[in-house]
Amino acid sequence: MLLQETKDYVNDVLLPDYMDGYNDANDIAVDIVDDIDSFGDGNELSRPTRLARNIAANRKEFTDYVVKAFQDVEADK
């Protein structure tokens, strides 16, 4: 289950920063998940945040949420 923190991140940070006319919703979600995967489980110098752990644990739900939020923004334009 996605945390409210994750949903807020999508709506307040992710979409405004990544909706540049070149990315589609699925690409945005995949890029974020790929970035999280590149850090792995972390070590003493880099540990995933609660937000990153929530996204990684709920990849499908995260992607679905990003797609829906993207569509909602597009519909409001």
N, C-alpha and C. Protein backbone atom coordinates (compact mmCIF):
# COMPACT_ATOMS: atom_id res chain seq x y z
N MET A 1 0.84 -1.17 0.00
CA MET A 1 0.00 0.00 0.00
C MET A 1 0.89 1.25 0.00
N LEU A 2 0.56 2.18 -0.87
CA LEU A 2 1.33 3.41 -0.93
C LEU A 2 1.02 4.30 0.26
N LEU A 3 2.06 4.84 0.83
CA LEU A 3 1.90 5.79 1.93
C LEU A 3 1.41 7.13 1.38
N GLN A 4 0.75 7.91 2.21
CA GLN A 4 0.32 9.24 1.79
C GLN A 4 1.53 10.09 1.38
N GLU A 5 2.65 9.87 2.05
CA GLU A 5 3.90 10.56 1.72
C GLU A 5 4.29 10.30 0.25
N THR A 6 4.10 9.07 -0.20
CA THR A 6 4.43 8.72 -1.58
C THR A 6 3.47 9.39 -2.55
N LYS A 7 2.19 9.38 -2.23
CA LYS A 7 1.20 10.03 -3.09
C LYS A 7 1.45 11.53 -3.17
N ASP A 8 1.79 12.14 -2.04
CA ASP A 8 2.10 13.57 -2.03
C ASP A 8 3.33 13.86 -2.89
N TYR A 9 4.33 12.99 -2.80
CA TYR A 9 5.54 13.14 -3.61
C TYR A 9 5.20 13.11 -5.10
N VAL A 10 4.35 12.18 -5.50
CA VAL A 10 3.96 12.09 -6.91
C VAL A 10 3.28 13.38 -7.35
N ASN A 11 2.32 13.83 -6.57
CA ASN A 11 1.52 15.00 -6.96
C ASN A 11 2.26 16.33 -6.83
N ASP A 12 3.09 16.46 -5.81
CA ASP A 12 3.72 17.74 -5.51
C ASP A 12 5.11 17.92 -6.09
N VAL A 13 5.81 16.82 -6.33
CA VAL A 13 7.20 16.90 -6.78
C VAL A 13 7.40 16.20 -8.13
N LEU A 14 7.06 14.94 -8.17
CA LEU A 14 7.38 14.13 -9.34
C LEU A 14 6.73 14.63 -10.62
N LEU A 15 5.42 14.77 -10.62
CA LEU A 15 4.75 15.19 -11.85
C LEU A 15 5.13 16.62 -12.25
N PRO A 16 5.14 17.58 -11.34
CA PRO A 16 5.56 18.92 -11.78
C PRO A 16 6.98 18.95 -12.36
N ASP A 17 7.88 18.14 -11.80
CA ASP A 17 9.26 18.14 -12.27
C ASP A 17 9.47 17.35 -13.56
N TYR A 18 8.68 16.32 -13.78
CA TYR A 18 8.92 15.42 -14.90
C TYR A 18 7.94 15.57 -16.06
N MET A 19 6.83 16.25 -15.87
CA MET A 19 5.86 16.42 -16.96
C MET A 19 6.33 17.57 -17.86
N ASP A 20 7.24 17.25 -18.76
CA ASP A 20 7.82 18.27 -19.60
C ASP A 20 7.40 18.16 -21.06
N GLY A 21 6.41 17.33 -21.33
CA GLY A 21 5.96 17.17 -22.70
C GLY A 21 6.68 16.06 -23.45
N TYR A 22 7.76 15.55 -22.86
CA TYR A 22 8.53 14.50 -23.52
C TYR A 22 8.34 13.15 -22.84
N ASN A 23 7.98 13.16 -21.58
CA ASN A 23 7.82 11.92 -20.83
C ASN A 23 6.35 11.54 -20.76
N ASP A 24 6.10 10.24 -20.80
CA ASP A 24 4.74 9.79 -20.50
C ASP A 24 4.76 9.22 -19.08
N ALA A 25 3.59 8.97 -18.56
CA ALA A 25 3.47 8.57 -17.16
C ALA A 25 4.24 7.29 -16.85
N ASN A 26 4.15 6.31 -17.71
CA ASN A 26 4.84 5.05 -17.46
C ASN A 26 6.35 5.26 -17.44
N ASP A 27 6.87 6.08 -18.35
CA ASP A 27 8.31 6.35 -18.38
C ASP A 27 8.77 7.03 -17.08
N ILE A 28 7.95 7.93 -16.57
CA ILE A 28 8.29 8.61 -15.32
C ILE A 28 8.40 7.59 -14.19
N ALA A 29 7.41 6.72 -14.07
CA ALA A 29 7.42 5.71 -13.00
C ALA A 29 8.61 4.76 -13.15
N VAL A 30 8.86 4.31 -14.37
CA VAL A 30 9.98 3.38 -14.61
C VAL A 30 11.30 4.04 -14.27
N ASP A 31 11.48 5.31 -14.63
CA ASP A 31 12.72 6.02 -14.31
C ASP A 31 12.96 6.07 -12.81
N ILE A 32 11.91 6.35 -12.05
CA ILE A 32 12.06 6.44 -10.60
C ILE A 32 12.40 5.08 -10.00
N VAL A 33 11.70 4.03 -10.43
CA VAL A 33 11.98 2.69 -9.93
C VAL A 33 13.39 2.26 -10.31
N ASP A 34 13.82 2.58 -11.54
CA ASP A 34 15.19 2.26 -11.96
C ASP A 34 16.23 2.98 -11.10
N ASP A 35 15.95 4.24 -10.78
CA ASP A 35 16.87 4.98 -9.91
C ASP A 35 16.98 4.32 -8.54
N ILE A 36 15.85 3.90 -8.00
CA ILE A 36 15.86 3.22 -6.70
C ILE A 36 16.62 1.91 -6.79
N ASP A 37 16.39 1.15 -7.87
CA ASP A 37 17.09 -0.12 -8.05
C ASP A 37 18.60 0.07 -8.16
N SER A 38 19.04 1.17 -8.77
CA SER A 38 20.47 1.38 -8.95
C SER A 38 21.19 1.58 -7.61
N PHE A 39 20.46 2.01 -6.58
CA PHE A 39 21.05 2.17 -5.27
C PHE A 39 21.02 0.89 -4.46
N GLY A 40 20.20 -0.06 -4.88
CA GLY A 40 20.12 -1.33 -4.16
C GLY A 40 19.63 -1.15 -2.74
N ASP A 41 20.11 -1.99 -1.87
CA ASP A 41 19.69 -1.94 -0.47
C ASP A 41 20.41 -0.86 0.32
N GLY A 42 21.40 -0.26 -0.27
CA GLY A 42 22.13 0.79 0.42
C GLY A 42 23.26 0.23 1.26
N ASN A 43 24.08 1.12 1.73
CA ASN A 43 25.16 0.76 2.63
C ASN A 43 25.29 1.89 3.64
N GLU A 44 26.41 1.96 4.31
CA GLU A 44 26.56 2.99 5.33
C GLU A 44 26.46 4.39 4.74
N LEU A 45 26.82 4.57 3.48
CA LEU A 45 26.81 5.90 2.87
C LEU A 45 25.53 6.24 2.14
N SER A 46 24.81 5.24 1.72
CA SER A 46 23.54 5.55 1.04
C SER A 46 22.49 4.52 1.44
N ARG A 47 21.53 5.00 2.15
CA ARG A 47 20.41 4.14 2.57
C ARG A 47 19.14 4.70 1.97
N PRO A 48 18.28 3.81 1.44
CA PRO A 48 17.02 4.29 0.86
C PRO A 48 16.14 4.94 1.93
N THR A 49 15.46 5.99 1.55
CA THR A 49 14.53 6.66 2.45
C THR A 49 13.27 5.82 2.59
N ARG A 50 12.44 6.20 3.52
CA ARG A 50 11.15 5.52 3.68
C ARG A 50 10.33 5.62 2.39
N LEU A 51 10.41 6.77 1.74
CA LEU A 51 9.71 6.99 0.48
C LEU A 51 10.21 6.01 -0.58
N ALA A 52 11.51 5.88 -0.73
CA ALA A 52 12.08 4.96 -1.72
C ALA A 52 11.72 3.51 -1.40
N ARG A 53 11.76 3.15 -0.13
CA ARG A 53 11.39 1.78 0.25
C ARG A 53 9.93 1.50 -0.06
N ASN A 54 9.07 2.50 0.16
CA ASN A 54 7.64 2.33 -0.12
C ASN A 54 7.40 2.16 -1.62
N ILE A 55 8.08 2.95 -2.43
CA ILE A 55 7.95 2.82 -3.89
C ILE A 55 8.45 1.45 -4.34
N ALA A 56 9.61 1.04 -3.87
CA ALA A 56 10.19 -0.24 -4.26
C ALA A 56 9.31 -1.41 -3.86
N ALA A 57 8.67 -1.32 -2.72
CA ALA A 57 7.82 -2.41 -2.23
C ALA A 57 6.47 -2.46 -2.93
N ASN A 58 6.10 -1.38 -3.58
CA ASN A 58 4.77 -1.29 -4.21
C ASN A 58 4.90 -0.78 -5.65
N ARG A 59 5.78 -1.38 -6.41
CA ARG A 59 6.10 -0.91 -7.77
C ARG A 59 4.88 -0.80 -8.67
N LYS A 60 4.07 -1.83 -8.70
CA LYS A 60 2.89 -1.84 -9.58
C LYS A 60 1.90 -0.76 -9.16
N GLU A 61 1.63 -0.70 -7.87
CA GLU A 61 0.69 0.30 -7.37
C GLU A 61 1.25 1.72 -7.61
N PHE A 62 2.56 1.89 -7.43
CA PHE A 62 3.19 3.18 -7.69
C PHE A 62 3.03 3.57 -9.15
N THR A 63 3.33 2.65 -10.06
CA THR A 63 3.20 2.93 -11.48
C THR A 63 1.76 3.27 -11.83
N ASP A 64 0.82 2.48 -11.33
CA ASP A 64 -0.60 2.76 -11.59
C ASP A 64 -1.00 4.13 -11.06
N TYR A 65 -0.50 4.49 -9.89
CA TYR A 65 -0.83 5.77 -9.28
C TYR A 65 -0.26 6.92 -10.11
N VAL A 66 0.98 6.79 -10.56
CA VAL A 66 1.59 7.83 -11.39
C VAL A 66 0.81 8.00 -12.69
N VAL A 67 0.45 6.90 -13.32
CA VAL A 67 -0.32 6.96 -14.58
C VAL A 67 -1.65 7.68 -14.34
N LYS A 68 -2.36 7.32 -13.28
CA LYS A 68 -3.65 7.95 -12.98
C LYS A 68 -3.48 9.43 -12.67
N ALA A 69 -2.50 9.77 -11.84
CA ALA A 69 -2.28 11.17 -11.50
C ALA A 69 -1.89 11.97 -12.74
N PHE A 70 -1.08 11.39 -13.61
CA PHE A 70 -0.68 12.04 -14.86
C PHE A 70 -1.91 12.31 -15.72
N GLN A 71 -2.78 11.32 -15.84
CA GLN A 71 -4.00 11.48 -16.63
C GLN A 71 -4.91 12.57 -16.03
N ASP A 72 -4.98 12.62 -14.71
CA ASP A 72 -5.80 13.64 -14.05
C ASP A 72 -5.26 15.04 -14.36
N VAL A 73 -3.95 15.20 -14.32
CA VAL A 73 -3.35 16.51 -14.62
C VAL A 73 -3.63 16.88 -16.08
N GLU A 74 -3.45 15.92 -16.97
CA GLU A 74 -3.70 16.17 -18.40
C GLU A 74 -5.15 16.55 -18.66
N ALA A 75 -6.07 15.91 -17.95
CA ALA A 75 -7.49 16.18 -18.14
C ALA A 75 -7.87 17.58 -17.65
N ASP A 76 -7.13 18.07 -16.65
CA ASP A 76 -7.42 19.39 -16.10
C ASP A 76 -6.87 20.53 -16.95
N LYS A 77 -6.04 20.22 -17.92
CA LYS A 77 -5.44 21.28 -18.75
C LYS A 77 -6.45 21.86 -19.72
